Protein backbone atom coordinates (compact mmCIF):
# COMPACT_ATOMS: atom_id res chain seq x y z
CA MET A 1 56.14 98.61 157.66
CA GLU A 2 55.90 95.91 160.34
CA ALA A 3 52.17 95.51 159.70
CA ILE A 4 52.83 94.81 156.03
CA ARG A 5 55.40 92.15 156.89
CA ILE A 6 53.00 90.35 159.22
CA LYS A 7 50.24 90.48 156.62
CA ASP A 8 52.51 88.92 154.00
CA GLU A 9 53.41 86.08 156.36
CA SER A 10 49.74 85.54 157.15
CA ASP A 11 48.88 85.38 153.45
CA HIS A 12 51.62 82.79 152.98
CA PHE A 13 49.84 80.44 155.40
CA SER A 14 46.22 81.31 154.58
CA TYR A 15 43.74 79.31 152.47
CA ASP A 16 44.59 79.43 148.77
CA ASP A 17 42.27 77.54 146.44
CA ARG A 18 44.93 77.50 143.70
CA ALA A 19 47.28 75.58 145.99
CA GLY A 20 45.00 72.57 145.63
CA ASN A 21 46.40 72.14 142.11
CA VAL A 22 49.87 71.54 143.54
CA ILE A 23 49.04 68.65 145.87
CA GLU A 24 45.69 66.97 145.46
CA VAL A 25 43.77 64.03 146.92
CA ARG A 26 41.47 62.42 144.37
CA ARG A 27 38.94 59.58 144.55
CA ILE A 28 37.83 57.71 141.43
CA ALA A 29 34.94 55.23 141.54
CA LYS A 30 35.30 51.79 139.98
CA GLY A 31 34.70 51.96 136.23
CA ASP A 32 35.39 55.70 135.96
CA ALA A 33 38.37 57.28 134.25
CA TRP A 34 40.49 60.35 134.97
CA LYS A 35 42.66 62.10 132.39
CA GLU A 36 45.22 64.83 132.78
CA SER A 37 47.94 66.48 130.76
CA SER A 38 50.11 68.78 132.83
CA CYS A 39 52.91 71.20 132.02
CA HIS A 40 54.54 70.09 135.28
CA HIS A 41 56.18 66.86 136.41
CA SER A 42 54.15 64.95 138.98
CA LEU A 43 54.13 61.90 141.24
CA VAL A 44 51.00 59.79 141.74
CA PHE A 45 50.75 57.77 144.98
CA ALA A 46 48.03 55.09 145.24
CA LEU A 47 46.65 55.01 148.80
CA GLU A 48 43.70 52.65 148.26
CA GLY A 49 42.29 50.52 145.46
CA SER A 50 43.63 49.87 141.98
CA ALA A 51 43.60 51.24 138.44
CA GLU A 52 45.04 50.84 134.97
CA ILE A 53 47.41 53.71 134.30
CA THR A 54 48.41 54.76 130.79
CA VAL A 55 50.98 57.45 130.03
CA GLY A 56 51.30 58.82 126.52
CA HIS A 57 51.22 56.05 123.93
CA PHE A 58 52.65 53.35 126.19
CA ASP A 59 50.70 50.24 127.17
CA PRO A 60 48.61 50.43 130.38
CA LYS A 61 49.98 49.05 133.63
CA ALA A 62 48.32 48.06 136.90
CA LEU A 63 48.64 50.71 139.62
CA ARG A 64 47.51 49.51 143.03
CA LYS A 65 47.68 50.49 146.68
CA GLY A 66 51.25 50.95 147.84
CA PHE A 67 52.75 51.97 144.49
CA LEU A 68 53.77 55.28 142.91
CA SER A 69 54.25 56.48 139.36
CA PHE A 70 56.18 59.47 138.01
CA ILE A 71 54.55 61.42 135.15
CA ARG A 72 56.74 63.81 133.18
CA SER A 73 55.45 67.18 132.04
CA GLY A 74 53.56 67.24 128.75
CA ASP A 75 52.52 63.57 128.84
CA GLN A 76 48.86 62.57 128.73
CA LEU A 77 47.88 60.53 131.78
CA CYS A 78 44.81 58.28 131.75
CA LEU A 79 43.80 56.40 134.90
CA PHE A 80 40.94 53.87 134.70
CA ALA A 81 39.75 52.68 138.11
CA THR A 82 39.46 48.87 138.32
CA SER A 83 38.26 49.33 141.90
CA ASN A 84 37.49 52.41 143.98
CA ILE A 85 40.81 54.20 144.21
CA ILE A 86 42.23 57.03 146.31
CA PHE A 87 45.49 58.65 145.26
CA ILE A 88 47.57 61.73 145.99
CA THR A 89 49.14 63.72 143.17
CA VAL A 90 52.15 65.96 143.86
CA ARG A 91 52.80 68.42 140.99
CA THR A 92 54.89 71.45 140.00
CA MET A 93 58.22 69.65 140.33
CA THR A 94 61.06 70.59 138.04
CA LEU A 95 64.05 68.35 137.56
CA THR A 96 66.24 71.12 138.94
CA GLU A 97 64.36 70.74 142.23
CA ILE A 98 64.52 66.95 142.02
CA ASN A 99 68.29 67.31 141.82
CA SER A 100 68.23 67.03 145.62
CA CYS A 101 67.28 63.37 145.04
CA LEU A 102 69.48 62.50 142.10
CA ASN A 103 72.88 63.02 140.61
CA LEU A 104 71.20 63.89 137.33
CA ARG A 105 74.33 64.31 135.23
CA GLU A 106 75.50 60.83 136.10
CA TYR A 107 72.17 59.20 135.33
CA ALA A 108 71.38 61.31 132.28
CA GLN A 109 74.69 60.09 130.86
CA LYS A 110 73.57 56.47 131.38
CA MET A 111 70.53 57.18 129.26
CA HIS A 112 72.61 59.01 126.65
CA ASP A 113 75.09 56.13 126.26
CA GLY A 114 72.27 53.58 125.90
CA SER A 115 72.69 51.76 129.22
CA ALA A 116 69.16 52.70 130.31
CA GLU A 117 65.82 52.75 128.53
CA ALA A 118 62.86 54.98 129.44
CA ASP A 119 59.53 53.42 130.38
CA GLU A 120 56.87 56.10 130.87
CA THR A 121 54.92 54.05 133.42
CA ASN A 122 57.60 52.73 135.74
CA LEU A 123 55.90 51.80 139.01
CA SER A 124 57.73 51.75 142.34
CA VAL A 125 56.83 50.64 145.85
CA ILE A 126 55.98 53.39 148.35
CA MET A 127 58.52 53.07 151.16
CA PRO A 128 57.26 52.99 154.81
CA SER A 129 58.67 56.46 155.53
CA ILE A 130 56.80 57.85 152.51
CA TRP A 131 53.60 56.13 153.71
CA HIS A 132 53.93 57.99 157.00
CA TYR A 133 54.42 61.25 155.10
CA LEU A 134 51.39 60.60 152.87
CA LYS A 135 49.11 59.81 155.81
CA GLY A 136 49.97 63.15 157.42
CA LEU A 137 49.47 64.94 154.11
CA TYR A 138 46.11 63.22 153.56
CA THR A 139 44.91 64.23 157.04
CA ALA A 140 45.98 67.86 156.59
CA ILE A 141 44.19 68.16 153.23
CA ALA A 142 41.09 66.45 154.65
CA ASP A 143 41.14 69.02 157.48
CA GLY A 144 41.01 71.81 154.91
CA ILE A 145 44.62 73.02 154.74
CA ARG A 146 45.21 74.80 151.41
CA SER A 147 48.33 76.84 152.05
CA LYS A 148 51.01 77.48 149.46
CA GLY A 149 53.58 77.68 152.23
CA TYR A 150 52.51 74.31 153.61
CA PHE A 151 52.53 72.60 150.21
CA ASP A 152 55.91 74.10 149.28
CA ALA A 153 57.34 72.73 152.52
CA LYS A 154 55.76 69.30 151.96
CA ILE A 155 57.25 69.04 148.45
CA LYS A 156 60.71 69.78 149.84
CA GLU A 157 60.11 67.20 152.57
CA LEU A 158 59.14 64.63 149.95
CA PHE A 159 62.40 65.20 148.05
CA MET A 160 64.39 64.79 151.25
CA LEU A 161 62.61 61.56 152.18
CA MET A 162 63.05 60.08 148.73
CA HIS A 163 66.72 61.03 148.77
CA ASN A 164 67.24 59.21 152.06
CA TYR A 165 64.98 56.16 151.70
CA TYR A 166 65.37 55.14 148.04
CA SER A 167 68.55 53.82 146.49
CA ARG A 168 70.24 55.73 143.69
CA GLN A 169 69.24 52.98 141.26
CA GLU A 170 65.58 53.18 142.28
CA LEU A 171 65.50 56.97 142.05
CA PHE A 172 67.01 56.73 138.59
CA ARG A 173 64.31 54.23 137.58
CA ILE A 174 61.53 56.46 138.95
CA PHE A 175 62.64 59.66 137.25
CA LEU A 176 64.21 58.19 134.11
CA PRO A 177 61.40 59.25 131.71
CA ALA A 178 62.28 62.91 132.23
CA LEU A 179 66.07 62.74 132.23
CA SER A 180 68.01 64.40 129.44
CA ASN A 181 71.48 65.71 128.70
CA ASP A 182 70.45 69.25 129.65
CA ILE A 183 67.95 69.27 132.50
CA ALA A 184 67.50 73.04 132.71
CA PHE A 185 66.94 73.35 128.96
CA SER A 186 64.44 70.47 128.74
CA ASP A 187 62.50 71.72 131.77
CA ALA A 188 62.29 75.22 130.28
CA VAL A 189 60.97 73.83 127.00
CA LYS A 190 58.44 71.49 128.63
CA THR A 191 56.98 74.18 130.88
CA SER A 192 56.71 76.99 128.31
CA TRP A 193 56.49 75.72 124.72
CA TYR A 194 52.69 76.18 124.52
CA LYS A 195 52.95 79.89 125.32
CA TYR A 196 54.56 80.79 122.00
CA LYS A 197 53.18 80.94 118.47
CA THR A 198 56.34 79.73 116.75
CA ILE A 199 59.47 77.79 117.64
CA ASP A 200 61.52 80.87 116.84
CA ASP A 201 59.50 82.81 119.43
CA LEU A 202 60.25 80.10 122.00
CA ALA A 203 63.94 80.22 121.09
CA ALA A 204 64.04 83.99 121.51
CA ALA A 205 62.32 83.76 124.90
CA MET A 206 65.04 81.33 126.00
CA ASN A 207 67.80 83.63 124.65
CA PHE A 208 68.82 81.33 121.78
CA THR A 209 69.23 82.14 118.12
CA PRO A 210 66.95 79.87 116.03
CA SER A 211 69.85 77.82 114.64
CA SER A 212 71.49 77.25 118.03
CA PHE A 213 68.11 76.40 119.58
CA TYR A 214 67.38 73.75 116.93
CA ARG A 215 70.81 72.17 117.39
CA HIS A 216 70.49 72.19 121.18
CA PHE A 217 66.96 70.76 121.00
CA GLN A 218 68.03 67.90 118.73
CA LYS A 219 70.92 67.04 121.03
CA THR A 220 68.77 67.16 124.18
CA PHE A 221 65.52 65.54 123.01
CA GLY A 222 66.81 63.26 120.25
CA CYS A 223 64.32 64.67 117.72
CA THR A 224 63.56 67.99 116.06
CA ALA A 225 61.66 70.72 117.88
CA GLN A 226 58.90 70.52 115.27
CA GLN A 227 58.48 66.77 115.77
CA TRP A 228 58.33 67.06 119.56
CA ILE A 229 55.90 70.00 119.64
CA THR A 230 53.65 68.30 117.08
CA GLU A 231 53.42 65.23 119.34
CA GLN A 232 52.55 67.42 122.34
CA LYS A 233 49.84 69.19 120.34
CA LYS A 234 48.41 65.87 119.14
CA ILE A 235 47.97 64.72 122.73
CA LEU A 236 46.59 67.99 124.11
CA ILE A 237 44.24 68.76 121.21
CA TYR A 238 42.84 65.23 121.26
CA ARG A 239 42.18 65.63 124.98
CA ASP A 240 40.45 68.98 124.47
CA LEU A 241 38.34 67.64 121.61
CA THR A 242 37.18 64.57 123.50
CA ASP A 243 37.02 65.75 127.10
CA ASN A 244 35.24 69.12 126.88
CA ASN A 245 32.92 71.22 124.76
CA THR A 246 35.29 74.09 123.99
CA ASN A 247 34.29 75.51 120.62
CA PHE A 248 36.62 75.04 117.67
CA LYS A 249 37.42 78.75 117.30
CA GLU A 250 38.73 78.84 120.88
CA LEU A 251 40.78 75.69 120.30
CA ALA A 252 42.22 77.14 117.09
CA ASP A 253 43.26 80.28 118.98
CA LYS A 254 44.59 78.32 121.95
CA TYR A 255 46.95 76.29 119.77
CA TRP A 256 48.02 79.17 117.53
CA PHE A 257 46.27 78.14 114.31
CA SER A 258 45.74 80.98 111.86
CA SER A 259 42.08 80.10 111.35
CA VAL A 260 39.42 77.52 112.15
CA THR A 261 39.88 76.14 108.64
CA SER A 262 43.58 75.48 109.22
CA PHE A 263 42.67 73.83 112.53
CA TYR A 264 40.14 71.57 110.73
CA ASN A 265 42.70 70.68 108.06
CA TRP A 266 45.34 69.87 110.69
CA CYS A 267 42.91 67.54 112.52
CA VAL A 268 42.01 65.71 109.31
CA LYS A 269 45.68 65.27 108.44
CA THR A 270 46.65 64.24 112.00
CA TYR A 271 43.68 62.15 113.21
CA GLY A 272 41.96 61.26 109.95
CA SER A 273 38.73 63.03 111.02
CA THR A 274 37.35 66.54 111.38
CA PRO A 275 36.95 67.93 114.92
CA GLY A 276 33.17 67.65 114.55
CA ASP A 277 33.31 64.00 113.49
CA MET A 278 35.63 63.18 116.38
CA ARG A 279 33.14 64.58 118.87
CA LYS A 280 30.17 62.88 117.21
CA LYS A 281 31.84 59.49 117.62
CA LEU A 282 31.89 60.02 121.39
CA VAL A 283 28.20 60.90 121.72
């Protein structure tokens, strides 16, 4: 029994290639672009260089050394390097976890009553204490550390540092794009919607009746569930069509279309072109 316990602890601190998706150092050469759409919230910290950063359908902004940007789950991120850039991405954060940094009810109410407006690419200065944290994190990753236990601890440390070294107003500004009237509900939707064929299936998985789910969704997101999910699909399908060579049958299955034909028809209606024509334009 003791041997099993020791083995489990050892596994917790051993190399785990999947852990690299949680916290990642990335280098992008000048003139190159990097795109990502994640089902998790993330923070991007620019350590060197500069880039244009675009989130969703918002206008690009200049991200440069010493600044950070928060990206909410489900949003398409595009980063175009205007010089060689090095940045660290910290992912897998839920707003429930970020609650250690924010009084979310108070600030979500500010958004609800119209006293705050979301900007998907708010940029904030990296505080000196966070710089110190990032340098240690960069060194550990460069030395080959890929431990889930280590990364879990570093994410908790980041929350604590942000809680202590940023003002309430600045934290609100950083995380505003993801705030809602019901944090747990919105997080559950954003991290699981793509797993279900229909909205009713998603509602059942979250223990809602369809009617109560639709009402709750409208109140939380300010739009219908169908409208929101359609926007997410538009972003993700466009990315898959333009960024990889996945065949159309696989894409139709991935996004729960009944057939390749219905997938084609949806693309024509949504983008004004067939999937094949969209790919040809990029060749």
